[in-house]
Amino acid sequence: MGLIAWAALGFIAGLIAKAFMPGQQPQGCVVTTFLGMAGAMVGGWLANVSGVGGSVNDLSIVSIITAAIGAAIILGAYQYLHKK
């Protein structure tokens, strides 16, 4: 998957994760995109390790859901670390 597709997937996953995370998230578009891209990598890794779902290799519904779950994990960790 190309860099533009990764950025698009990361942005979509980051927006979905922000929509489902409780509380106020002051991150902008760039931080949301990077958190989503990191979440795509984490979500893809977790999907491969657990054997559930698919990897994040293309722009599909499964990869968006997987990336959004990973982005929610990353976003939760980001919020936790920046609270202190």
PDB file of N, CA and C in Angstrom:
ATOM      1  N   MET A   1       0.868  -1.159   0.000  1.00  0.00           N
ATOM      2  CA  MET A   1       0.000   0.000   0.000  1.00  0.00           C
ATOM      3  C   MET A   1       0.917   1.225   0.000  1.00  0.00           C
ATOM      4  N   GLY A   2       0.557   2.213  -0.809  1.00  0.00           N
ATOM      5  CA  GLY A   2       1.373   3.402  -0.948  1.00  0.00           C
ATOM      6  C   GLY A   2       1.230   4.360   0.221  1.00  0.00           C
ATOM      7  N   LEU A   3       2.080   5.349   0.234  1.00  0.00           N
ATOM      8  CA  LEU A   3       2.095   6.316   1.324  1.00  0.00           C
ATOM      9  C   LEU A   3       0.783   7.100   1.410  1.00  0.00           C
ATOM     10  N   ILE A   4       0.213   7.457   0.281  1.00  0.00           N
ATOM     11  CA  ILE A   4      -1.046   8.205   0.292  1.00  0.00           C
ATOM     12  C   ILE A   4      -2.181   7.332   0.818  1.00  0.00           C
ATOM     13  N   ALA A   5      -2.188   6.063   0.454  1.00  0.00           N
ATOM     14  CA  ALA A   5      -3.218   5.147   0.962  1.00  0.00           C
ATOM     15  C   ALA A   5      -3.056   4.947   2.466  1.00  0.00           C
ATOM     16  N   TRP A   6      -1.807   4.846   2.956  1.00  0.00           N
ATOM     17  CA  TRP A   6      -1.574   4.721   4.400  1.00  0.00           C
ATOM     18  C   TRP A   6      -2.050   5.964   5.133  1.00  0.00           C
ATOM     19  N   ALA A   7      -1.781   7.138   4.545  1.00  0.00           N
ATOM     20  CA  ALA A   7      -2.224   8.381   5.173  1.00  0.00           C
ATOM     21  C   ALA A   7      -3.747   8.455   5.199  1.00  0.00           C
ATOM     22  N   ALA A   8      -4.394   8.052   4.107  1.00  0.00           N
ATOM     23  CA  ALA A   8      -5.863   8.068   4.060  1.00  0.00           C
ATOM     24  C   ALA A   8      -6.434   7.087   5.078  1.00  0.00           C
ATOM     25  N   LEU A   9      -5.875   5.882   5.131  1.00  0.00           N
ATOM     26  CA  LEU A   9      -6.329   4.885   6.096  1.00  0.00           C
ATOM     27  C   LEU A   9      -6.100   5.373   7.519  1.00  0.00           C
ATOM     28  N   GLY A  10      -4.949   5.976   7.764  1.00  0.00           N
ATOM     29  CA  GLY A  10      -4.651   6.497   9.097  1.00  0.00           C
ATOM     30  C   GLY A  10      -5.598   7.609   9.500  1.00  0.00           C
ATOM     31  N   PHE A  11      -5.903   8.504   8.567  1.00  0.00           N
ATOM     32  CA  PHE A  11      -6.819   9.599   8.869  1.00  0.00           C
ATOM     33  C   PHE A  11      -8.217   9.070   9.172  1.00  0.00           C
ATOM     34  N   ILE A  12      -8.705   8.145   8.355  1.00  0.00           N
ATOM     35  CA  ILE A  12     -10.031   7.555   8.576  1.00  0.00           C
ATOM     36  C   ILE A  12     -10.069   6.813   9.907  1.00  0.00           C
ATOM     37  N   ALA A  13      -9.043   5.999  10.162  1.00  0.00           N
ATOM     38  CA  ALA A  13      -8.994   5.232  11.418  1.00  0.00           C
ATOM     39  C   ALA A  13      -8.882   6.168  12.614  1.00  0.00           C
ATOM     40  N   GLY A  14      -8.099   7.222  12.484  1.00  0.00           N
ATOM     41  CA  GLY A  14      -7.972   8.184  13.580  1.00  0.00           C
ATOM     42  C   GLY A  14      -9.276   8.900  13.875  1.00  0.00           C
ATOM     43  N   LEU A  15     -10.013   9.282  12.835  1.00  0.00           N
ATOM     44  CA  LEU A  15     -11.306   9.927  13.040  1.00  0.00           C
ATOM     45  C   LEU A  15     -12.311   8.990  13.700  1.00  0.00           C
ATOM     46  N   ILE A  16     -12.327   7.733  13.260  1.00  0.00           N
ATOM     47  CA  ILE A  16     -13.237   6.756  13.866  1.00  0.00           C
ATOM     48  C   ILE A  16     -12.878   6.547  15.336  1.00  0.00           C
ATOM     49  N   ALA A  17     -11.580   6.419  15.614  1.00  0.00           N
ATOM     50  CA  ALA A  17     -11.144   6.214  16.997  1.00  0.00           C
ATOM     51  C   ALA A  17     -11.500   7.420  17.867  1.00  0.00           C
ATOM     52  N   LYS A  18     -11.310   8.642  17.335  1.00  0.00           N
ATOM     53  CA  LYS A  18     -11.652   9.840  18.100  1.00  0.00           C
ATOM     54  C   LYS A  18     -13.151   9.911  18.366  1.00  0.00           C
ATOM     55  N   ALA A  19     -13.950   9.440  17.422  1.00  0.00           N
ATOM     56  CA  ALA A  19     -15.408   9.484  17.588  1.00  0.00           C
ATOM     57  C   ALA A  19     -15.869   8.541  18.694  1.00  0.00           C
ATOM     58  N   PHE A  20     -15.168   7.432  18.883  1.00  0.00           N
ATOM     59  CA  PHE A  20     -15.593   6.448  19.876  1.00  0.00           C
ATOM     60  C   PHE A  20     -14.898   6.590  21.222  1.00  0.00           C
ATOM     61  N   MET A  21     -13.849   7.402  21.292  1.00  0.00           N
ATOM     62  CA  MET A  21     -13.142   7.581  22.557  1.00  0.00           C
ATOM     63  C   MET A  21     -13.866   8.628  23.395  1.00  0.00           C
ATOM     64  N   PRO A  22     -14.059   8.372  24.677  1.00  0.00           N
ATOM     65  CA  PRO A  22     -14.718   9.356  25.531  1.00  0.00           C
ATOM     66  C   PRO A  22     -13.795  10.523  25.849  1.00  0.00           C
ATOM     67  N   GLY A  23     -14.391  11.650  26.151  1.00  0.00           N
ATOM     68  CA  GLY A  23     -13.618  12.814  26.566  1.00  0.00           C
ATOM     69  C   GLY A  23     -13.253  13.726  25.410  1.00  0.00           C
ATOM     70  N   GLN A  24     -12.533  14.758  25.752  1.00  0.00           N
ATOM     71  CA  GLN A  24     -12.121  15.779  24.797  1.00  0.00           C
ATOM     72  C   GLN A  24     -10.749  15.431  24.237  1.00  0.00           C
ATOM     73  N   GLN A  25     -10.616  15.396  22.922  1.00  0.00           N
ATOM     74  CA  GLN A  25      -9.329  15.156  22.284  1.00  0.00           C
ATOM     75  C   GLN A  25      -8.920  16.408  21.516  1.00  0.00           C
ATOM     76  N   PRO A  26      -7.884  17.104  21.989  1.00  0.00           N
ATOM     77  CA  PRO A  26      -7.499  18.355  21.341  1.00  0.00           C
ATOM     78  C   PRO A  26      -6.564  18.185  20.153  1.00  0.00           C
ATOM     79  N   GLN A  27      -6.318  16.947  19.692  1.00  0.00           N
ATOM     80  CA  GLN A  27      -5.386  16.733  18.595  1.00  0.00           C
ATOM     81  C   GLN A  27      -5.956  17.285  17.291  1.00  0.00           C
ATOM     82  N   GLY A  28      -5.054  17.762  16.440  1.00  0.00           N
ATOM     83  CA  GLY A  28      -5.441  18.249  15.129  1.00  0.00           C
ATOM     84  C   GLY A  28      -5.403  17.137  14.092  1.00  0.00           C
ATOM     85  N   CYS A  29      -5.539  17.516  12.846  1.00  0.00           N
ATOM     86  CA  CYS A  29      -5.587  16.548  11.744  1.00  0.00           C
ATOM     87  C   CYS A  29      -4.278  15.776  11.589  1.00  0.00           C
ATOM     88  N   VAL A  30      -3.157  16.456  11.740  1.00  0.00           N
ATOM     89  CA  VAL A  30      -1.863  15.800  11.550  1.00  0.00           C
ATOM     90  C   VAL A  30      -1.628  14.750  12.627  1.00  0.00           C
ATOM     91  N   VAL A  31      -1.883  15.107  13.884  1.00  0.00           N
ATOM     92  CA  VAL A  31      -1.702  14.154  14.984  1.00  0.00           C
ATOM     93  C   VAL A  31      -2.691  13.002  14.840  1.00  0.00           C
ATOM     94  N   THR A  32      -3.937  13.311  14.448  1.00  0.00           N
ATOM     95  CA  THR A  32      -4.935  12.268  14.233  1.00  0.00           C
ATOM     96  C   THR A  32      -4.481  11.298  13.159  1.00  0.00           C
ATOM     97  N   THR A  33      -3.926  11.812  12.066  1.00  0.00           N
ATOM     98  CA  THR A  33      -3.450  10.957  10.976  1.00  0.00           C
ATOM     99  C   THR A  33      -2.308  10.069  11.436  1.00  0.00           C
ATOM    100  N   PHE A  34      -1.336  10.645  12.154  1.00  0.00           N
ATOM    101  CA  PHE A  34      -0.206   9.848  12.612  1.00  0.00           C
ATOM    102  C   PHE A  34      -0.620   8.810  13.654  1.00  0.00           C
ATOM    103  N   LEU A  35      -1.541   9.175  14.540  1.00  0.00           N
ATOM    104  CA  LEU A  35      -2.050   8.193  15.505  1.00  0.00           C
ATOM    105  C   LEU A  35      -2.806   7.083  14.780  1.00  0.00           C
ATOM    106  N   GLY A  36      -3.559   7.450  13.750  1.00  0.00           N
ATOM    107  CA  GLY A  36      -4.272   6.440  12.959  1.00  0.00           C
ATOM    108  C   GLY A  36      -3.332   5.528  12.210  1.00  0.00           C
ATOM    109  N   MET A  37      -2.254   6.076  11.662  1.00  0.00           N
ATOM    110  CA  MET A  37      -1.273   5.245  10.959  1.00  0.00           C
ATOM    111  C   MET A  37      -0.571   4.305  11.931  1.00  0.00           C
ATOM    112  N   ALA A  38      -0.212   4.817  13.111  1.00  0.00           N
ATOM    113  CA  ALA A  38       0.384   3.949  14.133  1.00  0.00           C
ATOM    114  C   ALA A  38      -0.624   2.897  14.574  1.00  0.00           C
ATOM    115  N   GLY A  39      -1.884   3.302  14.689  1.00  0.00           N
ATOM    116  CA  GLY A  39      -2.937   2.359  15.046  1.00  0.00           C
ATOM    117  C   GLY A  39      -3.142   1.293  14.000  1.00  0.00           C
ATOM    118  N   ALA A  40      -2.978   1.649  12.738  1.00  0.00           N
ATOM    119  CA  ALA A  40      -3.086   0.657  11.668  1.00  0.00           C
ATOM    120  C   ALA A  40      -1.995  -0.403  11.804  1.00  0.00           C
ATOM    121  N   MET A  41      -0.802   0.047  12.159  1.00  0.00           N
ATOM    122  CA  MET A  41       0.280  -0.919  12.349  1.00  0.00           C
ATOM    123  C   MET A  41       0.022  -1.796  13.572  1.00  0.00           C
ATOM    124  N   VAL A  42      -0.415  -1.179  14.679  1.00  0.00           N
ATOM    125  CA  VAL A  42      -0.704  -1.938  15.899  1.00  0.00           C
ATOM    126  C   VAL A  42      -1.882  -2.886  15.666  1.00  0.00           C
ATOM    127  N   GLY A  43      -2.936  -2.388  15.047  1.00  0.00           N
ATOM    128  CA  GLY A  43      -4.108  -3.222  14.776  1.00  0.00           C
ATOM    129  C   GLY A  43      -3.790  -4.379  13.846  1.00  0.00           C
ATOM    130  N   GLY A  44      -3.001  -4.113  12.811  1.00  0.00           N
ATOM    131  CA  GLY A  44      -2.588  -5.183  11.903  1.00  0.00           C
ATOM    132  C   GLY A  44      -1.735  -6.222  12.593  1.00  0.00           C
ATOM    133  N   TRP A  45      -0.837  -5.756  13.460  1.00  0.00           N
ATOM    134  CA  TRP A  45       0.001  -6.694  14.210  1.00  0.00           C
ATOM    135  C   TRP A  45      -0.841  -7.542  15.150  1.00  0.00           C
ATOM    136  N   LEU A  46      -1.777  -6.900  15.875  1.00  0.00           N
ATOM    137  CA  LEU A  46      -2.642  -7.650  16.788  1.00  0.00           C
ATOM    138  C   LEU A  46      -3.524  -8.645  16.042  1.00  0.00           C
ATOM    139  N   ALA A  47      -4.008  -8.256  14.866  1.00  0.00           N
ATOM    140  CA  ALA A  47      -4.834  -9.164  14.073  1.00  0.00           C
ATOM    141  C   ALA A  47      -4.030 -10.374  13.602  1.00  0.00           C
ATOM    142  N   ASN A  48      -2.786 -10.149  13.203  1.00  0.00           N
ATOM    143  CA  ASN A  48      -1.942 -11.258  12.758  1.00  0.00           C
ATOM    144  C   ASN A  48      -1.566 -12.174  13.911  1.00  0.00           C
ATOM    145  N   VAL A  49      -1.243 -11.593  15.070  1.00  0.00           N
ATOM    146  CA  VAL A  49      -0.838 -12.396  16.225  1.00  0.00           C
ATOM    147  C   VAL A  49      -2.000 -13.221  16.756  1.00  0.00           C
ATOM    148  N   SER A  50      -3.178 -12.604  16.843  1.00  0.00           N
ATOM    149  CA  SER A  50      -4.330 -13.300  17.410  1.00  0.00           C
ATOM    150  C   SER A  50      -5.025 -14.216  16.411  1.00  0.00           C
ATOM    151  N   GLY A  51      -4.784 -14.000  15.120  1.00  0.00           N
ATOM    152  CA  GLY A  51      -5.442 -14.815  14.103  1.00  0.00           C
ATOM    153  C   GLY A  51      -6.868 -14.389  13.826  1.00  0.00           C
ATOM    154  N   VAL A  52      -7.284 -13.265  14.376  1.00  0.00           N
ATOM    155  CA  VAL A  52      -8.635 -12.745  14.174  1.00  0.00           C
ATOM    156  C   VAL A  52      -8.545 -11.574  13.208  1.00  0.00           C
ATOM    157  N   GLY A  53      -9.435 -11.528  12.257  1.00  0.00           N
ATOM    158  CA  GLY A  53      -9.440 -10.417  11.310  1.00  0.00           C
ATOM    159  C   GLY A  53      -8.344 -10.557  10.286  1.00  0.00           C
ATOM    160  N   GLY A  54      -8.134  -9.500   9.546  1.00  0.00           N
ATOM    161  CA  GLY A  54      -7.126  -9.520   8.500  1.00  0.00           C
ATOM    162  C   GLY A  54      -6.060  -8.480   8.763  1.00  0.00           C
ATOM    163  N   SER A  55      -4.995  -8.592   8.008  1.00  0.00           N
ATOM    164  CA  SER A  55      -3.933  -7.601   8.150  1.00  0.00           C
ATOM    165  C   SER A  55      -4.327  -6.333   7.405  1.00  0.00           C
ATOM    166  N   VAL A  56      -3.583  -5.295   7.636  1.00  0.00           N
ATOM    167  CA  VAL A  56      -3.874  -4.008   7.015  1.00  0.00           C
ATOM    168  C   VAL A  56      -2.970  -3.878   5.792  1.00  0.00           C
ATOM    169  N   ASN A  57      -3.380  -4.501   4.695  1.00  0.00           N
ATOM    170  CA  ASN A  57      -2.591  -4.467   3.472  1.00  0.00           C
ATOM    171  C   ASN A  57      -3.261  -3.697   2.353  1.00  0.00           C
ATOM    172  N   ASP A  58      -4.541  -3.458   2.451  1.00  0.00           N
ATOM    173  CA  ASP A  58      -5.244  -2.723   1.417  1.00  0.00           C
ATOM    174  C   ASP A  58      -6.308  -1.853   2.060  1.00  0.00           C
ATOM    175  N   LEU A  59      -6.938  -1.039   1.279  1.00  0.00           N
ATOM    176  CA  LEU A  59      -7.946  -0.116   1.778  1.00  0.00           C
ATOM    177  C   LEU A  59      -9.309  -0.793   1.658  1.00  0.00           C
ATOM    178  N   SER A  60      -9.700  -1.525   2.714  1.00  0.00           N
ATOM    179  CA  SER A  60     -10.976  -2.229   2.733  1.00  0.00           C
ATOM    180  C   SER A  60     -11.654  -1.994   4.075  1.00  0.00           C
ATOM    181  N   ILE A  61     -12.889  -2.455   4.200  1.00  0.00           N
ATOM    182  CA  ILE A  61     -13.635  -2.283   5.444  1.00  0.00           C
ATOM    183  C   ILE A  61     -12.925  -2.991   6.600  1.00  0.00           C
ATOM    184  N   VAL A  62     -12.430  -4.195   6.362  1.00  0.00           N
ATOM    185  CA  VAL A  62     -11.749  -4.954   7.415  1.00  0.00           C
ATOM    186  C   VAL A  62     -10.495  -4.213   7.874  1.00  0.00           C
ATOM    187  N   SER A  63      -9.730  -3.674   6.928  1.00  0.00           N
ATOM    188  CA  SER A  63      -8.514  -2.961   7.319  1.00  0.00           C
ATOM    189  C   SER A  63      -8.842  -1.655   8.040  1.00  0.00           C
ATOM    190  N   ILE A  64      -9.931  -0.991   7.660  1.00  0.00           N
ATOM    191  CA  ILE A  64     -10.331   0.236   8.356  1.00  0.00           C
ATOM    192  C   ILE A  64     -10.754  -0.076   9.785  1.00  0.00           C
ATOM    193  N   ILE A  65     -11.519  -1.141   9.983  1.00  0.00           N
ATOM    194  CA  ILE A  65     -11.951  -1.530  11.331  1.00  0.00           C
ATOM    195  C   ILE A  65     -10.743  -1.947  12.174  1.00  0.00           C
ATOM    196  N   THR A  66      -9.858  -2.737  11.591  1.00  0.00           N
ATOM    197  CA  THR A  66      -8.655  -3.166  12.298  1.00  0.00           C
ATOM    198  C   THR A  66      -7.796  -1.976  12.680  1.00  0.00           C
ATOM    199  N   ALA A  67      -7.621  -1.047  11.751  1.00  0.00           N
ATOM    200  CA  ALA A  67      -6.820   0.143  12.020  1.00  0.00           C
ATOM    201  C   ALA A  67      -7.495   1.039  13.054  1.00  0.00           C
ATOM    202  N   ALA A  68      -8.815   1.134  13.025  1.00  0.00           N
ATOM    203  CA  ALA A  68      -9.534   1.967  13.995  1.00  0.00           C
ATOM    204  C   ALA A  68      -9.399   1.400  15.406  1.00  0.00           C
ATOM    205  N   ILE A  69      -9.434   0.096  15.538  1.00  0.00           N
ATOM    206  CA  ILE A  69      -9.231  -0.526  16.853  1.00  0.00           C
ATOM    207  C   ILE A  69      -7.818  -0.244  17.359  1.00  0.00           C
ATOM    208  N   GLY A  70      -6.845  -0.407  16.482  1.00  0.00           N
ATOM    209  CA  GLY A  70      -5.470  -0.087  16.861  1.00  0.00           C
ATOM    210  C   GLY A  70      -5.296   1.388  17.184  1.00  0.00           C
ATOM    211  N   ALA A  71      -5.952   2.260  16.411  1.00  0.00           N
ATOM    212  CA  ALA A  71      -5.857   3.701  16.669  1.00  0.00           C
ATOM    213  C   ALA A  71      -6.505   4.062  17.994  1.00  0.00           C
ATOM    214  N   ALA A  72      -7.590   3.386  18.365  1.00  0.00           N
ATOM    215  CA  ALA A  72      -8.227   3.642  19.657  1.00  0.00           C
ATOM    216  C   ALA A  72      -7.285   3.256  20.794  1.00  0.00           C
ATOM    217  N   ILE A  73      -6.547   2.174  20.623  1.00  0.00           N
ATOM    218  CA  ILE A  73      -5.574   1.750  21.629  1.00  0.00           C
ATOM    219  C   ILE A  73      -4.467   2.797  21.749  1.00  0.00           C
ATOM    220  N   ILE A  74      -3.949   3.239  20.621  1.00  0.00           N
ATOM    221  CA  ILE A  74      -2.885   4.246  20.611  1.00  0.00           C
ATOM    222  C   ILE A  74      -3.392   5.571  21.178  1.00  0.00           C
ATOM    223  N   LEU A  75      -4.603   5.972  20.790  1.00  0.00           N
ATOM    224  CA  LEU A  75      -5.181   7.225  21.274  1.00  0.00           C
ATOM    225  C   LEU A  75      -5.412   7.172  22.778  1.00  0.00           C
ATOM    226  N   GLY A  76      -5.873   6.035  23.291  1.00  0.00           N
ATOM    227  CA  GLY A  76      -6.059   5.873  24.733  1.00  0.00           C
ATOM    228  C   GLY A  76      -4.728   5.983  25.477  1.00  0.00           C
ATOM    229  N   ALA A  77      -3.705   5.371  24.938  1.00  0.00           N
ATOM    230  CA  ALA A  77      -2.381   5.457  25.557  1.00  0.00           C
ATOM    231  C   ALA A  77      -1.846   6.880  25.492  1.00  0.00           C
ATOM    232  N   TYR A  78      -2.068   7.562  24.380  1.00  0.00           N
ATOM    233  CA  TYR A  78      -1.639   8.958  24.221  1.00  0.00           C
ATOM    234  C   TYR A  78      -2.324   9.859  25.227  1.00  0.00           C
ATOM    235  N   GLN A  79      -3.626   9.676  25.404  1.00  0.00           N
ATOM    236  CA  GLN A  79      -4.363  10.480  26.377  1.00  0.00           C
ATOM    237  C   GLN A  79      -3.913  10.188  27.805  1.00  0.00           C
ATOM    238  N   TYR A  80      -3.667   8.933  28.097  1.00  0.00           N
ATOM    239  CA  TYR A  80      -3.216   8.550  29.432  1.00  0.00           C
ATOM    240  C   TYR A  80      -1.859   9.173  29.755  1.00  0.00           C
ATOM    241  N   LEU A  81      -0.938   9.139  28.795  1.00  0.00           N
ATOM    242  CA  LEU A  81       0.398   9.684  29.027  1.00  0.00           C
ATOM    243  C   LEU A  81       0.404  11.200  29.120  1.00  0.00           C
ATOM    244  N   HIS A  82      -0.500  11.870  28.420  1.00  0.00           N
ATOM    245  CA  HIS A  82      -0.521  13.327  28.431  1.00  0.00           C
ATOM    246  C   HIS A  82      -1.377  13.893  29.569  1.00  0.00           C
ATOM    247  N   LYS A  83      -2.086  13.041  30.304  1.00  0.00           N
ATOM    248  CA  LYS A  83      -2.838  13.498  31.474  1.00  0.00           C
ATOM    249  C   LYS A  83      -1.918  13.821  32.624  1.00  0.00           C
ATOM    250  N   LYS A  84      -0.846  13.080  32.737  1.00  0.00           N
ATOM    251  CA  LYS A  84       0.041  13.188  33.905  1.00  0.00           C
ATOM    252  C   LYS A  84       0.952  14.344  33.824  1.00  0.00           C
TER     253      LYS A  84
END
